N, C-alpha and C. Protein backbone atom coordinates (compact mmCIF):
# COMPACT_ATOMS: atom_id res chain seq x y z
N MET A 1 2.76 11.92 31.37
CA MET A 1 3.72 10.93 31.58
C MET A 1 3.19 9.45 31.42
N LYS A 2 1.86 9.32 31.81
CA LYS A 2 1.25 8.06 31.67
C LYS A 2 1.06 7.67 30.20
N LYS A 3 0.81 8.67 29.33
CA LYS A 3 0.71 8.44 27.89
C LYS A 3 2.04 8.01 27.28
N VAL A 4 3.14 8.53 27.75
CA VAL A 4 4.46 8.15 27.36
C VAL A 4 4.75 6.69 27.77
N ILE A 5 4.39 6.32 28.92
CA ILE A 5 4.63 4.96 29.32
C ILE A 5 3.78 3.97 28.52
N ALA A 6 2.52 4.37 28.27
CA ALA A 6 1.58 3.53 27.53
C ALA A 6 2.04 3.25 26.15
N VAL A 7 2.52 4.31 25.47
CA VAL A 7 2.96 4.21 24.09
C VAL A 7 4.20 3.41 24.05
N THR A 8 5.18 3.63 25.04
CA THR A 8 6.40 2.80 25.15
C THR A 8 6.12 1.30 25.22
N VAL A 9 5.18 1.02 26.19
CA VAL A 9 4.74 -0.40 26.42
C VAL A 9 4.14 -1.00 25.11
N LEU A 10 3.34 -0.23 24.44
CA LEU A 10 2.66 -0.63 23.15
C LEU A 10 3.69 -0.89 22.06
N LEU A 11 4.61 0.02 21.94
CA LEU A 11 5.64 -0.12 20.94
C LEU A 11 6.65 -1.33 21.19
N CYS A 12 6.88 -1.58 22.48
CA CYS A 12 7.73 -2.64 22.80
C CYS A 12 7.11 -4.03 22.75
N THR A 13 5.78 -4.06 22.98
CA THR A 13 5.11 -5.45 22.88
C THR A 13 4.58 -5.77 21.56
N SER A 14 4.34 -4.74 20.64
CA SER A 14 3.76 -5.01 19.38
C SER A 14 4.62 -5.99 18.57
N PRO A 15 5.96 -5.91 18.45
CA PRO A 15 6.68 -6.92 17.64
C PRO A 15 6.48 -8.24 18.10
N PHE A 16 6.26 -8.41 19.42
CA PHE A 16 6.05 -9.86 19.96
C PHE A 16 4.75 -10.34 19.56
N ALA A 17 3.74 -9.44 19.52
CA ALA A 17 2.38 -9.82 19.12
C ALA A 17 2.42 -10.27 17.61
N VAL A 18 3.08 -9.57 16.82
CA VAL A 18 3.17 -9.92 15.36
C VAL A 18 3.98 -11.21 15.24
N ALA A 19 5.03 -11.36 15.93
CA ALA A 19 5.77 -12.68 15.82
C ALA A 19 4.97 -13.86 16.22
N SER A 20 4.21 -13.73 17.25
CA SER A 20 3.33 -14.88 17.64
C SER A 20 2.26 -15.25 16.58
N THR A 21 1.72 -14.20 16.05
CA THR A 21 0.76 -14.35 14.92
C THR A 21 1.33 -15.09 13.76
N ASN A 22 2.51 -14.64 13.31
CA ASN A 22 3.11 -15.24 12.16
C ASN A 22 3.58 -16.62 12.45
N SER A 23 4.08 -16.92 13.66
CA SER A 23 4.53 -18.20 13.95
C SER A 23 3.39 -19.24 13.99
N ALA A 24 2.17 -18.65 14.38
CA ALA A 24 0.99 -19.55 14.40
C ALA A 24 0.61 -19.89 12.93
N THR A 25 0.76 -18.96 12.03
CA THR A 25 0.48 -19.23 10.61
C THR A 25 1.44 -20.13 9.99
N CYS A 26 2.70 -20.04 10.36
CA CYS A 26 3.75 -20.87 9.83
C CYS A 26 3.62 -22.28 10.35
N GLY A 27 3.37 -23.20 9.36
CA GLY A 27 3.39 -24.67 9.72
C GLY A 27 1.94 -25.18 9.93
N GLU A 28 0.87 -24.36 9.80
CA GLU A 28 -0.52 -24.85 9.96
C GLU A 28 -1.31 -24.61 8.71
N SER A 29 -1.68 -25.67 8.00
CA SER A 29 -2.34 -25.48 6.68
C SER A 29 -3.68 -24.78 6.91
N SER A 30 -4.45 -25.12 7.97
CA SER A 30 -5.68 -24.45 8.28
C SER A 30 -5.57 -22.94 8.41
N GLN A 31 -4.46 -22.50 9.02
CA GLN A 31 -4.19 -21.08 9.22
C GLN A 31 -3.89 -20.44 7.90
N TRP A 32 -3.19 -21.10 6.99
CA TRP A 32 -2.75 -20.63 5.71
C TRP A 32 -4.08 -20.42 4.94
N GLN A 33 -5.02 -21.45 5.03
CA GLN A 33 -6.23 -21.24 4.22
C GLN A 33 -7.02 -20.12 4.71
N ASP A 34 -7.15 -19.88 6.10
CA ASP A 34 -7.87 -18.80 6.60
C ASP A 34 -7.19 -17.48 6.16
N THR A 35 -5.92 -17.42 6.25
CA THR A 35 -5.23 -16.21 5.76
C THR A 35 -5.39 -15.79 4.33
N GLY A 36 -5.45 -16.87 3.42
CA GLY A 36 -5.72 -16.65 2.02
C GLY A 36 -7.12 -16.10 1.89
N PHE A 37 -8.02 -16.65 2.58
CA PHE A 37 -9.46 -16.25 2.44
C PHE A 37 -9.62 -14.76 2.97
N GLU A 38 -8.95 -14.50 4.01
CA GLU A 38 -9.08 -13.12 4.61
C GLU A 38 -8.47 -12.10 3.63
N LEU A 39 -7.31 -12.37 3.04
CA LEU A 39 -6.69 -11.46 2.13
C LEU A 39 -7.54 -11.22 0.90
N ALA A 40 -8.08 -12.18 0.33
CA ALA A 40 -8.87 -12.14 -0.88
C ALA A 40 -10.13 -11.32 -0.52
N SER A 41 -10.80 -11.69 0.56
CA SER A 41 -12.09 -11.05 0.93
C SER A 41 -11.92 -9.57 1.24
N LYS A 42 -10.68 -9.13 1.46
CA LYS A 42 -10.40 -7.74 1.62
C LYS A 42 -9.86 -6.99 0.37
N GLY A 43 -9.82 -7.84 -0.70
CA GLY A 43 -9.33 -7.32 -2.04
C GLY A 43 -7.79 -7.26 -2.10
N LYS A 44 -7.07 -7.91 -1.29
CA LYS A 44 -5.60 -7.81 -1.33
C LYS A 44 -5.13 -8.76 -2.35
N ALA A 45 -3.94 -8.53 -2.88
CA ALA A 45 -3.31 -9.33 -3.86
C ALA A 45 -2.78 -10.64 -3.36
N ALA A 46 -2.72 -11.67 -4.21
CA ALA A 46 -2.28 -12.96 -3.83
C ALA A 46 -0.72 -12.90 -3.52
N THR A 47 -0.11 -11.90 -4.17
CA THR A 47 1.36 -11.83 -3.83
C THR A 47 1.70 -11.59 -2.42
N GLU A 48 0.77 -11.29 -1.60
CA GLU A 48 0.93 -11.03 -0.15
C GLU A 48 1.48 -12.37 0.47
N PHE A 49 1.15 -13.46 -0.21
CA PHE A 49 1.68 -14.79 0.31
C PHE A 49 3.12 -14.85 0.44
N TYR A 50 3.87 -14.20 -0.53
CA TYR A 50 5.29 -14.28 -0.50
C TYR A 50 5.86 -13.52 0.65
N ALA A 51 5.35 -12.40 1.06
CA ALA A 51 5.73 -11.63 2.24
C ALA A 51 5.42 -12.44 3.49
N LEU A 52 4.31 -13.10 3.50
CA LEU A 52 3.99 -13.96 4.71
C LEU A 52 5.05 -15.11 4.74
N ALA A 53 5.31 -15.74 3.64
CA ALA A 53 6.15 -16.85 3.59
C ALA A 53 7.56 -16.46 4.04
N LYS A 54 7.93 -15.22 3.70
CA LYS A 54 9.30 -14.73 3.97
C LYS A 54 9.42 -14.62 5.50
N GLN A 55 8.28 -14.27 6.22
CA GLN A 55 8.29 -14.09 7.58
C GLN A 55 8.45 -15.53 8.35
N CYS A 56 8.17 -16.57 7.53
CA CYS A 56 8.31 -17.90 8.09
C CYS A 56 9.72 -18.51 7.62
N ASN A 57 10.56 -17.66 7.40
CA ASN A 57 11.95 -17.99 6.93
C ASN A 57 11.98 -18.78 5.67
N GLY A 58 10.94 -18.68 4.85
CA GLY A 58 10.83 -19.34 3.54
C GLY A 58 10.54 -20.84 3.68
N SER A 59 10.14 -21.27 4.90
CA SER A 59 9.91 -22.78 5.14
C SER A 59 8.42 -23.03 4.99
N VAL A 60 7.86 -22.67 3.90
CA VAL A 60 6.42 -22.99 3.68
C VAL A 60 6.29 -24.10 2.73
N SER A 61 5.65 -25.22 3.20
CA SER A 61 5.52 -26.40 2.40
C SER A 61 4.54 -26.14 1.14
N LYS A 62 4.52 -27.05 0.32
CA LYS A 62 3.71 -27.05 -0.87
C LYS A 62 2.21 -27.21 -0.51
N SER A 63 1.96 -28.02 0.58
CA SER A 63 0.54 -28.19 1.13
C SER A 63 0.14 -26.90 1.72
N GLU A 64 0.98 -26.14 2.39
CA GLU A 64 0.61 -24.89 3.00
C GLU A 64 0.33 -23.82 1.98
N GLU A 65 1.10 -23.84 0.88
CA GLU A 65 0.85 -23.01 -0.18
C GLU A 65 -0.46 -23.33 -0.89
N ALA A 66 -0.79 -24.56 -1.09
CA ALA A 66 -2.00 -25.05 -1.63
C ALA A 66 -3.15 -24.59 -0.83
N ALA A 67 -3.03 -24.71 0.56
CA ALA A 67 -4.09 -24.28 1.45
C ALA A 67 -4.39 -22.75 1.31
N PHE A 68 -3.29 -21.96 1.20
CA PHE A 68 -3.42 -20.49 1.01
C PHE A 68 -4.23 -20.23 -0.27
N VAL A 69 -3.83 -20.92 -1.36
CA VAL A 69 -4.47 -20.71 -2.65
C VAL A 69 -5.92 -21.14 -2.57
N LYS A 70 -6.32 -22.20 -1.83
CA LYS A 70 -7.68 -22.62 -1.77
C LYS A 70 -8.49 -21.54 -0.98
N GLY A 71 -7.93 -21.07 0.07
CA GLY A 71 -8.54 -20.02 0.85
C GLY A 71 -8.72 -18.79 0.04
N TYR A 72 -7.71 -18.40 -0.67
CA TYR A 72 -7.70 -17.19 -1.52
C TYR A 72 -8.79 -17.34 -2.56
N MET A 73 -8.91 -18.38 -3.23
CA MET A 73 -9.95 -18.56 -4.28
C MET A 73 -11.34 -18.50 -3.66
N ALA A 74 -11.53 -18.97 -2.44
CA ALA A 74 -12.86 -18.82 -1.81
C ALA A 74 -13.10 -17.36 -1.47
N GLY A 75 -12.00 -16.72 -1.03
CA GLY A 75 -12.20 -15.26 -0.71
C GLY A 75 -12.54 -14.39 -1.87
N ILE A 76 -12.05 -14.77 -2.96
CA ILE A 76 -12.33 -13.94 -4.17
C ILE A 76 -13.84 -14.01 -4.47
N GLN A 77 -14.40 -15.23 -4.28
CA GLN A 77 -15.82 -15.38 -4.44
C GLN A 77 -16.64 -14.48 -3.55
N THR A 78 -16.14 -14.21 -2.36
CA THR A 78 -16.70 -13.39 -1.38
C THR A 78 -16.56 -11.89 -1.82
N PHE A 79 -15.32 -11.53 -2.26
CA PHE A 79 -15.06 -10.12 -2.62
C PHE A 79 -15.61 -9.68 -3.87
N CYS A 80 -15.53 -10.44 -4.96
CA CYS A 80 -15.89 -9.95 -6.27
C CYS A 80 -17.43 -9.98 -6.47
N ASN A 81 -18.14 -9.11 -5.83
CA ASN A 81 -19.60 -9.07 -6.01
C ASN A 81 -20.05 -7.70 -6.16
N TYR A 82 -21.35 -7.64 -6.44
CA TYR A 82 -21.96 -6.23 -6.67
C TYR A 82 -21.87 -5.42 -5.55
N GLU A 83 -22.08 -5.87 -4.26
CA GLU A 83 -22.05 -5.06 -3.02
C GLU A 83 -20.79 -4.44 -2.77
N ASN A 84 -19.66 -5.14 -2.91
CA ASN A 84 -18.41 -4.55 -2.69
C ASN A 84 -18.10 -3.60 -3.78
N GLY A 85 -18.45 -3.84 -5.00
CA GLY A 85 -18.25 -2.91 -6.05
C GLY A 85 -18.93 -1.60 -5.76
N PHE A 86 -20.26 -1.69 -5.25
CA PHE A 86 -21.06 -0.53 -4.94
C PHE A 86 -20.33 0.27 -3.87
N GLU A 87 -19.82 -0.37 -2.81
CA GLU A 87 -19.08 0.31 -1.75
C GLU A 87 -17.92 1.01 -2.20
N LEU A 88 -17.06 0.35 -3.11
CA LEU A 88 -15.86 0.87 -3.72
C LEU A 88 -16.23 2.14 -4.59
N GLY A 89 -17.31 2.06 -5.24
CA GLY A 89 -17.72 3.19 -6.09
C GLY A 89 -18.17 4.36 -5.27
N LYS A 90 -18.84 4.12 -4.27
CA LYS A 90 -19.33 5.23 -3.31
C LYS A 90 -18.09 5.88 -2.77
N GLU A 91 -16.99 5.10 -2.40
CA GLU A 91 -15.81 5.70 -1.86
C GLU A 91 -14.87 6.27 -2.88
N ASN A 92 -15.26 6.00 -4.20
CA ASN A 92 -14.36 6.50 -5.28
C ASN A 92 -13.01 5.78 -5.17
N ALA A 93 -13.02 4.57 -4.71
CA ALA A 93 -11.70 3.82 -4.54
C ALA A 93 -11.61 2.91 -5.83
N SER A 94 -10.32 2.60 -6.07
CA SER A 94 -10.10 1.74 -7.24
C SER A 94 -10.49 0.23 -6.89
N VAL A 95 -10.89 -0.44 -7.94
CA VAL A 95 -11.16 -1.85 -7.82
C VAL A 95 -9.88 -2.61 -7.97
N PRO A 96 -9.49 -3.43 -6.98
CA PRO A 96 -8.25 -4.24 -7.06
C PRO A 96 -8.37 -5.18 -8.23
N ASN A 97 -7.31 -5.51 -8.84
CA ASN A 97 -7.26 -6.41 -9.97
C ASN A 97 -7.08 -7.79 -9.52
N ILE A 98 -8.06 -8.31 -8.77
CA ILE A 98 -7.98 -9.68 -8.28
C ILE A 98 -9.16 -10.53 -8.84
N CYS A 99 -10.21 -9.95 -9.39
CA CYS A 99 -11.41 -10.63 -9.75
C CYS A 99 -11.15 -11.35 -11.09
N PRO A 100 -11.67 -12.65 -11.24
CA PRO A 100 -11.52 -13.30 -12.60
C PRO A 100 -12.55 -12.70 -13.49
N LYS A 101 -12.23 -12.85 -14.82
CA LYS A 101 -13.10 -12.24 -15.86
C LYS A 101 -14.58 -12.60 -15.72
N SER A 102 -14.86 -13.76 -15.25
CA SER A 102 -16.20 -14.21 -15.11
C SER A 102 -17.01 -13.43 -14.04
N MET A 103 -16.34 -12.64 -13.16
CA MET A 103 -16.94 -11.99 -12.11
C MET A 103 -16.81 -10.37 -12.21
N LEU A 104 -16.07 -10.02 -13.32
CA LEU A 104 -15.85 -8.62 -13.48
C LEU A 104 -17.12 -7.79 -13.73
N ASP A 105 -18.01 -8.33 -14.45
CA ASP A 105 -19.17 -7.58 -14.85
C ASP A 105 -20.02 -7.18 -13.58
N GLU A 106 -20.13 -8.10 -12.67
CA GLU A 106 -20.82 -7.91 -11.40
C GLU A 106 -20.33 -6.83 -10.55
N ILE A 107 -19.02 -6.85 -10.37
CA ILE A 107 -18.33 -5.94 -9.45
C ILE A 107 -18.24 -4.55 -10.20
N ALA A 108 -18.05 -4.53 -11.52
CA ALA A 108 -18.07 -3.36 -12.31
C ALA A 108 -19.34 -2.64 -12.28
N GLN A 109 -20.47 -3.35 -12.35
CA GLN A 109 -21.75 -2.77 -12.32
C GLN A 109 -22.07 -2.20 -10.96
N GLY A 110 -21.66 -2.86 -10.00
CA GLY A 110 -21.78 -2.37 -8.51
C GLY A 110 -20.98 -1.11 -8.42
N TYR A 111 -19.77 -0.99 -8.91
CA TYR A 111 -18.93 0.16 -8.85
C TYR A 111 -19.59 1.32 -9.59
N LYS A 112 -20.08 1.12 -10.75
CA LYS A 112 -20.73 2.16 -11.52
C LYS A 112 -21.98 2.69 -10.75
N ASP A 113 -22.83 1.77 -10.21
CA ASP A 113 -23.95 2.20 -9.47
C ASP A 113 -23.61 2.93 -8.21
N GLY A 114 -22.59 2.54 -7.43
CA GLY A 114 -22.07 3.16 -6.30
C GLY A 114 -21.62 4.57 -6.57
N LYS A 115 -20.87 4.76 -7.66
CA LYS A 115 -20.18 5.95 -8.04
C LYS A 115 -21.43 6.93 -8.46
N ALA A 116 -22.35 6.43 -9.21
CA ALA A 116 -23.51 7.28 -9.52
C ALA A 116 -24.35 7.69 -8.32
N HIS A 117 -24.48 6.87 -7.40
CA HIS A 117 -25.15 7.15 -6.13
C HIS A 117 -24.46 8.26 -5.38
N GLN A 118 -23.15 8.07 -5.31
CA GLN A 118 -22.34 9.15 -4.61
C GLN A 118 -22.38 10.48 -5.27
N ASP A 119 -22.28 10.44 -6.62
CA ASP A 119 -22.36 11.65 -7.46
C ASP A 119 -23.75 12.36 -7.24
N ARG A 120 -24.75 11.63 -7.25
CA ARG A 120 -26.16 12.21 -6.97
C ARG A 120 -26.13 12.83 -5.56
N ARG A 121 -25.62 12.05 -4.65
CA ARG A 121 -25.68 12.60 -3.17
C ARG A 121 -24.87 13.89 -3.07
N LEU A 122 -23.71 14.01 -3.73
CA LEU A 122 -22.92 15.23 -3.72
C LEU A 122 -23.68 16.33 -4.45
N ASN A 123 -24.29 16.02 -5.56
CA ASN A 123 -25.09 17.03 -6.29
C ASN A 123 -26.16 17.56 -5.46
N ASP A 124 -26.81 16.68 -4.79
CA ASP A 124 -27.95 17.12 -3.85
C ASP A 124 -27.48 18.04 -2.76
N ILE A 125 -26.32 17.74 -2.23
CA ILE A 125 -25.70 18.56 -1.15
C ILE A 125 -25.35 19.91 -1.76
N LEU A 126 -24.66 19.97 -2.88
CA LEU A 126 -24.31 21.19 -3.47
C LEU A 126 -25.43 22.06 -4.03
N SER A 127 -26.56 21.47 -4.37
CA SER A 127 -27.64 22.26 -4.91
C SER A 127 -28.69 22.59 -3.80
N THR A 128 -28.43 22.37 -2.58
CA THR A 128 -29.43 22.72 -1.51
C THR A 128 -29.44 24.31 -1.45
N ASP A 129 -30.56 24.76 -0.95
CA ASP A 129 -30.78 26.21 -0.89
C ASP A 129 -29.83 26.76 0.27
N THR A 130 -29.13 27.76 -0.04
CA THR A 130 -28.23 28.32 0.96
C THR A 130 -28.66 29.72 1.27
N VAL A 131 -29.91 30.06 1.32
CA VAL A 131 -30.47 31.32 1.73
C VAL A 131 -29.90 31.72 3.05
N GLY A 132 -29.52 32.93 3.23
CA GLY A 132 -29.05 33.31 4.54
C GLY A 132 -27.53 33.12 4.78
N ILE A 133 -26.93 32.38 3.95
CA ILE A 133 -25.46 32.20 4.04
C ILE A 133 -24.74 33.07 3.00
N VAL A 134 -24.10 34.10 3.50
CA VAL A 134 -23.45 35.11 2.63
C VAL A 134 -21.93 34.90 2.70
N PRO A 135 -21.29 34.56 1.61
CA PRO A 135 -19.87 34.43 1.68
C PRO A 135 -19.25 35.81 1.88
N ARG A 136 -18.21 35.86 2.59
CA ARG A 136 -17.54 37.12 2.90
C ARG A 136 -16.19 37.12 2.23
N TYR A 137 -16.22 37.79 1.02
CA TYR A 137 -14.96 37.87 0.29
C TYR A 137 -14.61 39.41 0.23
N ASN A 138 -13.30 39.60 0.33
CA ASN A 138 -12.77 40.95 0.23
C ASN A 138 -13.42 41.91 1.26
N VAL A 139 -13.64 41.43 2.44
CA VAL A 139 -14.25 42.24 3.54
C VAL A 139 -13.00 42.65 4.42
N PRO A 140 -12.80 43.95 4.55
CA PRO A 140 -11.73 44.53 5.34
C PRO A 140 -11.96 44.16 6.80
N PHE A 141 -10.88 43.95 7.49
CA PHE A 141 -11.01 43.69 8.97
C PHE A 141 -11.56 44.85 9.69
N SER A 142 -12.36 44.63 10.63
CA SER A 142 -12.93 45.67 11.42
C SER A 142 -11.92 46.20 12.41
N SER A 143 -12.09 47.45 12.86
CA SER A 143 -11.13 48.01 13.79
C SER A 143 -11.55 47.70 15.22
N GLY A 144 -12.61 46.91 15.43
CA GLY A 144 -13.04 46.59 16.76
C GLY A 144 -14.06 47.45 17.30
N ARG A 145 -14.80 48.33 16.52
CA ARG A 145 -15.78 49.24 16.96
C ARG A 145 -16.99 48.53 17.34
């Protein structure tokens, strides 16, 4: 019963938490810049701006949009690097199409190296000695004797 009450409270209060976060972003240029940076540094598309602006009833000023773009461009510099490419390669995840051409080589090389690292690791796991492990195929069920 306590779990039901906790889930109900969580579901009822979460829309208010989202609304307060969105209203804090609406109208504050520094918040828009931080939001742009955060989205880009996580590899999210710049078009996320339009969804956020829609939550502000479309009342986003040009200066707020410029702040978002400034933060987003700084976030791209943080995201489009060898290390993030390496992690994406290890996870066999796709590289988002947000990096400028001048940074593609670096993230692509990281991706290639991360994928190769993961492939070697999987090959090592699959090639380990499995003496003593006998697969049981086509073995009839015992009668419990």
